[in-house]
């Protein structure tokens, strides 16, 4: 069994996918990982669209060049109407959706399925293309699929980490 840290350190953003379809059972397991993600006050203000039909994938390709020919792309949105709102007026829904995305990425990797967090899009284009209501704010696409032969971590970027001394303060 792999530890969580080993899993997290081995995972990389896959940008080249095989043609092998992702099994429905594995997609459901990835979505169950989303359900397990913590959200502010457990409001669960996130929505996921599983995009896999040729029409849906064509829409994705019409709004971003970063789908990387994945057989499945998840569209993750924050439901702003269901968001916990902090005393300073901050809406937690986009952060909650980001946590959900991380859970799905890690579960996918544990199942041998690659992913890549994608925010290279105009959210208004996404809303129009997919007919999203005003309360759903697109947070990210998550292309999913089995890594193609020759897929590898981005050279010079994957292992680049700031030291803990640069990012952590002990008080």
N, C-alpha and C. Protein backbone atom coordinates (compact mmCIF):
# COMPACT_ATOMS: atom_id res chain seq x y z
N UNK A 1 0.84 -1.18 0.00
CA UNK A 1 0.00 0.00 0.00
C UNK A 1 0.89 1.25 0.00
N UNK A 2 0.51 2.19 -0.79
CA UNK A 2 1.23 3.45 -0.89
C UNK A 2 0.71 4.42 0.17
N UNK A 3 1.61 5.21 0.72
CA UNK A 3 1.16 6.25 1.64
C UNK A 3 0.59 7.40 0.83
N UNK A 4 -0.17 8.26 1.49
CA UNK A 4 -0.72 9.41 0.78
C UNK A 4 0.40 10.29 0.23
N UNK A 5 1.45 10.51 1.01
CA UNK A 5 2.55 11.36 0.54
C UNK A 5 3.21 10.76 -0.69
N UNK A 6 3.41 9.45 -0.70
CA UNK A 6 3.98 8.79 -1.89
C UNK A 6 3.07 8.96 -3.10
N UNK A 7 1.78 8.81 -2.90
CA UNK A 7 0.81 8.99 -3.97
C UNK A 7 0.86 10.43 -4.49
N UNK A 8 0.86 11.39 -3.57
CA UNK A 8 0.88 12.80 -3.96
C UNK A 8 2.16 13.16 -4.70
N UNK A 9 3.28 12.62 -4.27
CA UNK A 9 4.56 12.94 -4.91
C UNK A 9 4.71 12.26 -6.27
N UNK A 10 4.04 11.14 -6.47
CA UNK A 10 4.17 10.44 -7.75
C UNK A 10 3.22 10.99 -8.81
N UNK A 11 2.15 11.62 -8.41
CA UNK A 11 1.16 12.14 -9.34
C UNK A 11 1.73 13.30 -10.14
N UNK A 12 1.40 13.35 -11.40
CA UNK A 12 1.80 14.47 -12.24
C UNK A 12 0.65 14.83 -13.18
N UNK A 13 0.72 16.01 -13.75
CA UNK A 13 -0.30 16.46 -14.69
C UNK A 13 -0.09 15.77 -16.03
N UNK A 14 -1.07 14.94 -16.39
CA UNK A 14 -0.99 14.18 -17.64
C UNK A 14 -1.53 15.05 -18.77
N UNK A 15 -0.73 15.14 -19.82
CA UNK A 15 -1.12 15.95 -20.98
C UNK A 15 -1.14 15.14 -22.27
N UNK A 16 -1.04 13.83 -22.12
CA UNK A 16 -1.07 12.92 -23.27
C UNK A 16 -1.78 11.64 -22.81
N UNK A 17 -2.95 11.39 -23.41
CA UNK A 17 -3.79 10.27 -22.97
C UNK A 17 -3.89 9.19 -24.04
N UNK A 18 -4.08 7.96 -23.58
CA UNK A 18 -4.32 6.85 -24.49
C UNK A 18 -5.78 6.90 -24.94
N UNK A 19 -6.12 6.07 -25.89
CA UNK A 19 -7.51 5.99 -26.38
C UNK A 19 -8.37 5.10 -25.50
N UNK A 20 -7.77 4.43 -24.54
CA UNK A 20 -8.52 3.50 -23.68
C UNK A 20 -9.59 4.27 -22.91
N UNK A 21 -10.84 3.82 -23.01
CA UNK A 21 -11.92 4.51 -22.28
C UNK A 21 -11.78 4.30 -20.77
N UNK A 22 -12.26 5.26 -20.03
CA UNK A 22 -12.28 5.15 -18.57
C UNK A 22 -13.57 4.44 -18.18
N UNK A 23 -13.43 3.38 -17.43
CA UNK A 23 -14.58 2.58 -17.02
C UNK A 23 -15.53 3.38 -16.13
N UNK A 24 -16.83 3.14 -16.33
CA UNK A 24 -17.85 3.86 -15.55
C UNK A 24 -17.65 3.64 -14.05
N UNK A 25 -17.30 2.42 -13.66
CA UNK A 25 -17.10 2.12 -12.23
C UNK A 25 -15.99 2.98 -11.64
N UNK A 26 -14.93 3.20 -12.43
CA UNK A 26 -13.82 4.02 -11.94
C UNK A 26 -14.23 5.50 -11.90
N UNK A 27 -15.00 5.94 -12.88
CA UNK A 27 -15.50 7.32 -12.83
C UNK A 27 -16.37 7.53 -11.61
N UNK A 28 -17.21 6.55 -11.30
CA UNK A 28 -18.06 6.65 -10.10
C UNK A 28 -17.22 6.69 -8.84
N UNK A 29 -16.13 5.92 -8.80
CA UNK A 29 -15.25 5.94 -7.63
C UNK A 29 -14.59 7.32 -7.49
N UNK A 30 -14.19 7.91 -8.60
CA UNK A 30 -13.60 9.25 -8.58
C UNK A 30 -14.62 10.26 -8.06
N UNK A 31 -15.86 10.12 -8.49
CA UNK A 31 -16.93 11.02 -8.03
C UNK A 31 -17.24 10.80 -6.55
N UNK A 32 -17.09 9.58 -6.06
CA UNK A 32 -17.28 9.33 -4.63
C UNK A 32 -16.19 10.00 -3.81
N UNK A 33 -15.00 10.09 -4.37
CA UNK A 33 -13.92 10.82 -3.70
C UNK A 33 -14.31 12.29 -3.57
N UNK A 34 -14.99 12.82 -4.57
CA UNK A 34 -15.49 14.21 -4.49
C UNK A 34 -16.47 14.35 -3.33
N UNK A 35 -17.34 13.38 -3.19
CA UNK A 35 -18.32 13.42 -2.09
C UNK A 35 -17.65 13.43 -0.73
N UNK A 36 -16.48 12.82 -0.63
CA UNK A 36 -15.77 12.72 0.64
C UNK A 36 -15.01 13.99 0.99
N UNK A 37 -14.91 14.92 0.06
CA UNK A 37 -14.12 16.14 0.29
C UNK A 37 -14.80 17.04 1.32
N UNK A 38 -14.00 17.66 2.18
CA UNK A 38 -14.58 18.60 3.14
C UNK A 38 -14.98 19.90 2.45
N UNK A 39 -16.07 20.48 2.90
CA UNK A 39 -16.51 21.79 2.42
C UNK A 39 -16.96 22.61 3.62
N UNK A 40 -16.95 23.92 3.48
CA UNK A 40 -17.33 24.80 4.59
C UNK A 40 -18.74 24.47 5.05
N UNK A 41 -18.87 24.18 6.32
CA UNK A 41 -20.15 23.81 6.96
C UNK A 41 -20.82 22.62 6.27
N UNK A 42 -20.05 21.85 5.51
CA UNK A 42 -20.55 20.69 4.76
C UNK A 42 -21.70 21.06 3.82
N UNK A 43 -21.66 22.27 3.26
CA UNK A 43 -22.72 22.71 2.34
C UNK A 43 -22.62 22.02 0.98
N UNK A 44 -21.45 21.51 0.63
CA UNK A 44 -21.23 20.80 -0.63
C UNK A 44 -21.71 21.62 -1.84
N UNK A 45 -21.19 22.84 -1.98
CA UNK A 45 -21.65 23.72 -3.06
C UNK A 45 -20.91 23.52 -4.37
N UNK A 46 -20.81 22.30 -4.80
CA UNK A 46 -20.08 22.00 -6.03
C UNK A 46 -20.96 21.14 -6.94
N UNK A 47 -20.69 21.26 -8.21
CA UNK A 47 -21.38 20.45 -9.21
C UNK A 47 -20.35 19.98 -10.22
N UNK A 48 -20.49 18.74 -10.67
CA UNK A 48 -19.58 18.17 -11.65
C UNK A 48 -20.40 17.70 -12.84
N UNK A 49 -19.96 18.08 -14.03
CA UNK A 49 -20.53 17.54 -15.27
C UNK A 49 -19.48 16.60 -15.85
N UNK A 50 -19.91 15.36 -16.13
CA UNK A 50 -19.04 14.37 -16.74
C UNK A 50 -19.23 14.49 -18.25
N UNK A 51 -18.22 15.02 -18.92
CA UNK A 51 -18.28 15.28 -20.35
C UNK A 51 -17.54 14.17 -21.08
N UNK A 52 -18.28 13.37 -21.84
CA UNK A 52 -17.64 12.26 -22.54
C UNK A 52 -18.23 11.99 -23.92
N UNK A 53 -19.40 12.54 -24.20
CA UNK A 53 -19.98 12.34 -25.53
C UNK A 53 -19.17 13.15 -26.55
N UNK A 54 -19.18 12.75 -27.80
CA UNK A 54 -18.46 13.53 -28.82
C UNK A 54 -18.90 15.00 -28.85
N UNK A 55 -20.20 15.25 -28.64
CA UNK A 55 -20.71 16.62 -28.65
C UNK A 55 -20.14 17.43 -27.47
N UNK A 56 -20.13 16.82 -26.31
CA UNK A 56 -19.62 17.52 -25.12
C UNK A 56 -18.12 17.78 -25.25
N UNK A 57 -17.38 16.79 -25.72
CA UNK A 57 -15.93 16.97 -25.89
C UNK A 57 -15.66 18.05 -26.94
N UNK A 58 -16.47 18.11 -27.99
CA UNK A 58 -16.31 19.17 -29.00
C UNK A 58 -16.52 20.54 -28.38
N UNK A 59 -17.49 20.66 -27.47
CA UNK A 59 -17.71 21.94 -26.77
C UNK A 59 -16.49 22.31 -25.94
N UNK A 60 -15.93 21.32 -25.25
CA UNK A 60 -14.74 21.58 -24.44
C UNK A 60 -13.62 22.11 -25.33
N UNK A 61 -13.39 21.44 -26.43
CA UNK A 61 -12.33 21.85 -27.36
C UNK A 61 -12.60 23.23 -27.96
N UNK A 62 -13.87 23.62 -27.98
CA UNK A 62 -14.23 24.93 -28.50
C UNK A 62 -13.93 26.07 -27.53
N UNK A 63 -13.75 25.75 -26.25
CA UNK A 63 -13.54 26.80 -25.25
C UNK A 63 -12.16 26.75 -24.57
N UNK A 64 -11.41 25.67 -24.81
CA UNK A 64 -10.05 25.59 -24.28
C UNK A 64 -9.21 24.68 -25.16
N UNK A 65 -7.94 25.00 -25.26
CA UNK A 65 -7.04 24.13 -26.01
C UNK A 65 -6.38 23.11 -25.08
N UNK A 66 -6.78 23.09 -23.83
CA UNK A 66 -6.11 22.26 -22.83
C UNK A 66 -6.91 21.02 -22.42
N UNK A 67 -7.60 20.40 -23.36
CA UNK A 67 -8.29 19.15 -23.04
C UNK A 67 -7.38 17.95 -23.29
N UNK A 68 -6.30 18.17 -24.04
CA UNK A 68 -5.26 17.17 -24.25
C UNK A 68 -5.78 15.83 -24.80
N UNK A 69 -6.87 15.88 -25.55
CA UNK A 69 -7.49 14.69 -26.15
C UNK A 69 -7.85 13.61 -25.13
N UNK A 70 -8.18 14.04 -23.92
CA UNK A 70 -8.63 13.09 -22.90
C UNK A 70 -9.99 12.53 -23.29
N UNK A 71 -10.24 11.26 -22.98
CA UNK A 71 -11.54 10.68 -23.32
C UNK A 71 -12.70 11.19 -22.47
N UNK A 72 -12.37 11.70 -21.29
CA UNK A 72 -13.38 12.24 -20.37
C UNK A 72 -12.83 13.56 -19.84
N UNK A 73 -13.72 14.55 -19.73
CA UNK A 73 -13.34 15.82 -19.11
C UNK A 73 -14.44 16.15 -18.09
N UNK A 74 -14.03 16.41 -16.87
CA UNK A 74 -14.98 16.85 -15.85
C UNK A 74 -15.00 18.37 -15.84
N UNK A 75 -16.18 18.93 -15.76
CA UNK A 75 -16.35 20.37 -15.56
C UNK A 75 -16.81 20.54 -14.13
N UNK A 76 -16.01 21.22 -13.33
CA UNK A 76 -16.33 21.42 -11.92
C UNK A 76 -16.74 22.87 -11.71
N UNK A 77 -17.91 23.06 -11.11
CA UNK A 77 -18.44 24.40 -10.87
C UNK A 77 -18.72 24.61 -9.39
N UNK A 78 -18.69 25.85 -8.99
CA UNK A 78 -19.07 26.26 -7.63
C UNK A 78 -20.50 26.79 -7.70
N UNK A 79 -21.35 26.24 -6.85
CA UNK A 79 -22.73 26.71 -6.77
C UNK A 79 -22.75 27.85 -5.75
N UNK A 80 -22.76 29.07 -6.26
CA UNK A 80 -22.65 30.24 -5.40
C UNK A 80 -23.90 30.43 -4.52
N UNK A 81 -25.04 29.90 -4.94
CA UNK A 81 -26.26 29.99 -4.12
C UNK A 81 -26.20 29.11 -2.88
N UNK A 82 -25.35 28.08 -2.91
CA UNK A 82 -25.25 27.15 -1.79
C UNK A 82 -23.99 27.37 -0.96
N UNK A 83 -23.23 28.39 -1.26
CA UNK A 83 -21.97 28.64 -0.59
C UNK A 83 -22.15 29.12 0.83
N UNK A 84 -21.26 28.66 1.71
CA UNK A 84 -21.14 29.29 3.02
C UNK A 84 -20.48 30.63 2.77
N UNK A 85 -20.95 31.64 3.48
CA UNK A 85 -20.39 32.98 3.34
C UNK A 85 -19.82 33.39 4.69
N UNK A 86 -18.55 33.75 4.69
CA UNK A 86 -17.87 34.14 5.92
C UNK A 86 -18.31 35.50 6.42
N UNK A 87 -17.94 35.85 7.65
CA UNK A 87 -18.34 37.13 8.23
C UNK A 87 -17.81 38.33 7.43
N UNK A 88 -16.77 38.10 6.62
CA UNK A 88 -16.22 39.19 5.81
C UNK A 88 -16.83 39.23 4.42
N UNK A 89 -17.84 38.37 4.16
CA UNK A 89 -18.50 38.33 2.86
C UNK A 89 -17.84 37.40 1.86
N UNK A 90 -16.80 36.66 2.29
CA UNK A 90 -16.09 35.74 1.40
C UNK A 90 -16.94 34.50 1.13
N UNK A 91 -17.09 34.16 -0.16
CA UNK A 91 -17.81 32.96 -0.56
C UNK A 91 -16.83 31.79 -0.61
N UNK A 92 -17.15 30.71 0.10
CA UNK A 92 -16.26 29.55 0.19
C UNK A 92 -16.42 28.58 -0.97
N UNK A 93 -17.46 28.69 -1.77
CA UNK A 93 -17.75 27.69 -2.81
C UNK A 93 -16.60 27.44 -3.78
N UNK A 94 -15.91 28.46 -4.31
CA UNK A 94 -14.80 28.15 -5.21
C UNK A 94 -13.66 27.38 -4.52
N UNK A 95 -13.39 27.69 -3.28
CA UNK A 95 -12.37 26.96 -2.53
C UNK A 95 -12.84 25.53 -2.29
N UNK A 96 -14.10 25.37 -1.92
CA UNK A 96 -14.66 24.03 -1.73
C UNK A 96 -14.54 23.21 -3.00
N UNK A 97 -14.84 23.82 -4.14
CA UNK A 97 -14.73 23.11 -5.43
C UNK A 97 -13.28 22.71 -5.70
N UNK A 98 -12.34 23.56 -5.33
CA UNK A 98 -10.92 23.24 -5.53
C UNK A 98 -10.52 22.04 -4.68
N UNK A 99 -11.03 21.95 -3.48
CA UNK A 99 -10.74 20.79 -2.63
C UNK A 99 -11.32 19.52 -3.25
N UNK A 100 -12.52 19.62 -3.78
CA UNK A 100 -13.16 18.49 -4.46
C UNK A 100 -12.30 18.03 -5.64
N UNK A 101 -11.80 18.98 -6.42
CA UNK A 101 -10.96 18.64 -7.58
C UNK A 101 -9.72 17.88 -7.12
N UNK A 102 -9.09 18.34 -6.06
CA UNK A 102 -7.89 17.66 -5.56
C UNK A 102 -8.21 16.23 -5.14
N UNK A 103 -9.31 16.05 -4.45
CA UNK A 103 -9.71 14.69 -4.07
C UNK A 103 -9.88 13.80 -5.30
N UNK A 104 -10.53 14.32 -6.33
CA UNK A 104 -10.75 13.53 -7.54
C UNK A 104 -9.44 13.22 -8.25
N UNK A 105 -8.53 14.18 -8.30
CA UNK A 105 -7.23 13.96 -8.94
C UNK A 105 -6.46 12.84 -8.24
N UNK A 106 -6.48 12.86 -6.94
CA UNK A 106 -5.72 11.86 -6.19
C UNK A 106 -6.36 10.48 -6.31
N UNK A 107 -7.68 10.41 -6.27
CA UNK A 107 -8.35 9.12 -6.44
C UNK A 107 -8.10 8.57 -7.83
N UNK A 108 -8.18 9.44 -8.84
CA UNK A 108 -7.91 9.00 -10.21
C UNK A 108 -6.51 8.41 -10.30
N UNK A 109 -5.53 9.10 -9.75
CA UNK A 109 -4.15 8.62 -9.83
C UNK A 109 -4.01 7.27 -9.14
N UNK A 110 -4.68 7.12 -8.01
CA UNK A 110 -4.63 5.86 -7.28
C UNK A 110 -5.21 4.72 -8.12
N UNK A 111 -6.13 5.05 -9.04
CA UNK A 111 -6.74 4.06 -9.93
C UNK A 111 -5.97 3.89 -11.23
N UNK A 112 -4.84 4.60 -11.37
CA UNK A 112 -4.05 4.51 -12.60
C UNK A 112 -4.52 5.44 -13.70
N UNK A 113 -5.37 6.39 -13.34
CA UNK A 113 -5.94 7.34 -14.30
C UNK A 113 -5.29 8.70 -14.10
N UNK A 114 -4.85 9.29 -15.20
CA UNK A 114 -4.21 10.59 -15.14
C UNK A 114 -5.22 11.72 -15.22
N UNK A 115 -4.77 12.90 -14.82
CA UNK A 115 -5.61 14.10 -14.88
C UNK A 115 -4.71 15.32 -15.00
N UNK A 116 -5.34 16.44 -15.28
CA UNK A 116 -4.61 17.70 -15.35
C UNK A 116 -5.58 18.83 -15.01
N UNK A 117 -5.26 19.58 -13.98
CA UNK A 117 -6.08 20.73 -13.58
C UNK A 117 -6.00 21.77 -14.69
N UNK A 118 -7.15 22.20 -15.21
CA UNK A 118 -7.17 23.16 -16.31
C UNK A 118 -8.03 24.36 -15.94
N UNK A 119 -7.40 25.53 -15.98
CA UNK A 119 -8.14 26.79 -15.77
C UNK A 119 -7.90 27.75 -16.94
N UNK A 120 -7.41 27.22 -18.04
CA UNK A 120 -7.14 28.04 -19.21
C UNK A 120 -8.38 28.24 -20.05
N UNK A 121 -9.31 29.03 -19.55
CA UNK A 121 -10.55 29.30 -20.28
C UNK A 121 -11.18 30.59 -19.78
N UNK A 122 -12.12 31.08 -20.57
CA UNK A 122 -12.94 32.22 -20.16
C UNK A 122 -14.23 31.65 -19.58
N UNK A 123 -14.50 31.95 -18.31
CA UNK A 123 -15.67 31.34 -17.67
C UNK A 123 -16.98 31.72 -18.34
N UNK A 124 -17.04 32.88 -18.97
CA UNK A 124 -18.27 33.25 -19.68
C UNK A 124 -18.49 32.37 -20.90
N UNK A 125 -17.40 32.00 -21.59
CA UNK A 125 -17.51 31.08 -22.72
C UNK A 125 -18.02 29.72 -22.27
N UNK A 126 -17.53 29.25 -21.12
CA UNK A 126 -17.96 27.95 -20.57
C UNK A 126 -19.45 28.01 -20.24
N UNK A 127 -19.86 29.07 -19.58
CA UNK A 127 -21.27 29.21 -19.19
C UNK A 127 -22.18 29.19 -20.40
N UNK A 128 -21.78 29.89 -21.45
CA UNK A 128 -22.58 29.90 -22.69
C UNK A 128 -22.58 28.53 -23.36
N UNK A 129 -21.41 27.93 -23.49
CA UNK A 129 -21.30 26.65 -24.20
C UNK A 129 -22.11 25.55 -23.54
N UNK A 130 -22.13 25.55 -22.22
CA UNK A 130 -22.81 24.48 -21.50
C UNK A 130 -24.14 24.91 -20.88
N UNK A 131 -24.58 26.12 -21.17
CA UNK A 131 -25.87 26.59 -20.67
C UNK A 131 -25.97 26.62 -19.16
N UNK A 132 -24.90 27.06 -18.51
CA UNK A 132 -24.90 27.08 -17.04
C UNK A 132 -25.76 28.21 -16.51
N UNK A 133 -26.50 27.95 -15.45
CA UNK A 133 -27.24 29.04 -14.82
C UNK A 133 -26.28 30.02 -14.14
N UNK A 134 -26.75 31.21 -13.85
CA UNK A 134 -25.90 32.26 -13.28
C UNK A 134 -25.26 31.87 -11.95
N UNK A 135 -25.88 30.98 -11.19
CA UNK A 135 -25.35 30.63 -9.87
C UNK A 135 -24.19 29.63 -9.94
N UNK A 136 -23.94 29.02 -11.11
CA UNK A 136 -22.83 28.08 -11.23
C UNK A 136 -21.64 28.77 -11.86
N UNK A 137 -20.55 28.83 -11.11
CA UNK A 137 -19.32 29.45 -11.57
C UNK A 137 -18.31 28.37 -11.94
N UNK A 138 -17.90 28.31 -13.21
CA UNK A 138 -16.89 27.33 -13.59
C UNK A 138 -15.58 27.56 -12.84
N UNK A 139 -15.06 26.49 -12.24
CA UNK A 139 -13.80 26.58 -11.49
C UNK A 139 -12.66 25.96 -12.30
N UNK A 140 -12.91 24.78 -12.88
CA UNK A 140 -11.86 24.10 -13.64
C UNK A 140 -12.44 22.99 -14.49
N UNK A 141 -11.67 22.63 -15.51
CA UNK A 141 -11.86 21.38 -16.22
C UNK A 141 -10.87 20.40 -15.64
N UNK A 142 -11.24 19.13 -15.65
CA UNK A 142 -10.33 18.08 -15.22
C UNK A 142 -10.33 16.97 -16.28
N UNK A 143 -9.45 17.07 -17.29
CA UNK A 143 -9.33 15.98 -18.24
C UNK A 143 -8.90 14.71 -17.49
N UNK A 144 -9.50 13.58 -17.87
CA UNK A 144 -9.20 12.29 -17.24
C UNK A 144 -8.96 11.23 -18.31
N UNK A 145 -8.03 10.34 -18.04
CA UNK A 145 -7.80 9.22 -18.93
C UNK A 145 -6.54 8.48 -18.54
N UNK A 146 -6.35 7.35 -19.18
CA UNK A 146 -5.13 6.60 -18.94
C UNK A 146 -3.97 7.28 -19.64
N UNK A 147 -2.87 7.48 -18.95
CA UNK A 147 -1.72 8.12 -19.60
C UNK A 147 -1.27 7.33 -20.83
N UNK A 148 -0.97 8.04 -21.90
CA UNK A 148 -0.47 7.41 -23.12
C UNK A 148 0.96 6.94 -22.90
N UNK A 149 1.36 5.98 -23.71
CA UNK A 149 2.75 5.55 -23.67
C UNK A 149 3.62 6.77 -23.96
N UNK A 150 4.64 6.96 -23.17
CA UNK A 150 5.51 8.12 -23.34
C UNK A 150 5.05 9.34 -22.56
N UNK A 151 3.92 9.25 -21.88
CA UNK A 151 3.49 10.36 -21.03
C UNK A 151 4.46 10.47 -19.86
N UNK A 152 4.80 11.68 -19.47
CA UNK A 152 5.76 11.87 -18.40
C UNK A 152 5.53 13.22 -17.74
N UNK A 153 6.05 13.39 -16.53
CA UNK A 153 5.94 14.69 -15.88
C UNK A 153 6.64 15.77 -16.70
N UNK A 154 6.16 16.99 -16.61
CA UNK A 154 6.77 18.12 -17.32
C UNK A 154 8.18 18.33 -16.80
N UNK A 155 9.13 18.27 -17.70
CA UNK A 155 10.54 18.43 -17.32
C UNK A 155 10.77 19.85 -16.77
N UNK A 156 11.46 19.90 -15.64
CA UNK A 156 11.80 21.18 -15.04
C UNK A 156 10.70 21.79 -14.20
N UNK A 157 9.51 21.23 -14.25
CA UNK A 157 8.40 21.80 -13.48
C UNK A 157 7.88 20.86 -12.40
N UNK A 158 7.76 19.58 -12.72
CA UNK A 158 7.12 18.64 -11.80
C UNK A 158 7.81 18.56 -10.45
N UNK A 159 9.11 18.45 -10.45
CA UNK A 159 9.83 18.29 -9.19
C UNK A 159 10.30 19.61 -8.59
N UNK A 160 9.94 20.70 -9.21
CA UNK A 160 10.37 22.01 -8.71
C UNK A 160 9.50 22.38 -7.50
N UNK A 161 10.10 22.45 -6.36
CA UNK A 161 9.39 22.78 -5.13
C UNK A 161 10.21 23.78 -4.33
N UNK A 162 9.54 24.78 -3.81
CA UNK A 162 10.21 25.69 -2.89
C UNK A 162 10.47 24.94 -1.59
N UNK A 163 11.47 25.37 -0.88
CA UNK A 163 11.78 24.72 0.39
C UNK A 163 10.71 25.10 1.41
N UNK A 164 10.59 24.27 2.42
CA UNK A 164 9.64 24.59 3.50
C UNK A 164 10.00 25.91 4.17
N UNK A 165 11.29 26.22 4.22
CA UNK A 165 11.71 27.47 4.84
C UNK A 165 11.17 28.68 4.08
N UNK A 166 10.96 28.52 2.77
CA UNK A 166 10.42 29.61 1.95
C UNK A 166 8.89 29.73 2.05
N UNK A 167 8.24 28.67 2.45
CA UNK A 167 6.78 28.67 2.40
C UNK A 167 6.08 28.50 3.74
N UNK A 168 6.83 28.18 4.77
CA UNK A 168 6.23 27.90 6.07
C UNK A 168 6.85 28.82 7.13
N UNK A 169 6.00 29.34 7.97
CA UNK A 169 6.47 30.14 9.10
C UNK A 169 6.00 29.48 10.39
N UNK A 170 6.92 29.25 11.27
CA UNK A 170 6.62 28.65 12.57
C UNK A 170 6.50 29.77 13.59
N UNK A 171 5.36 29.89 14.20
CA UNK A 171 5.15 30.95 15.20
C UNK A 171 4.98 30.37 16.59
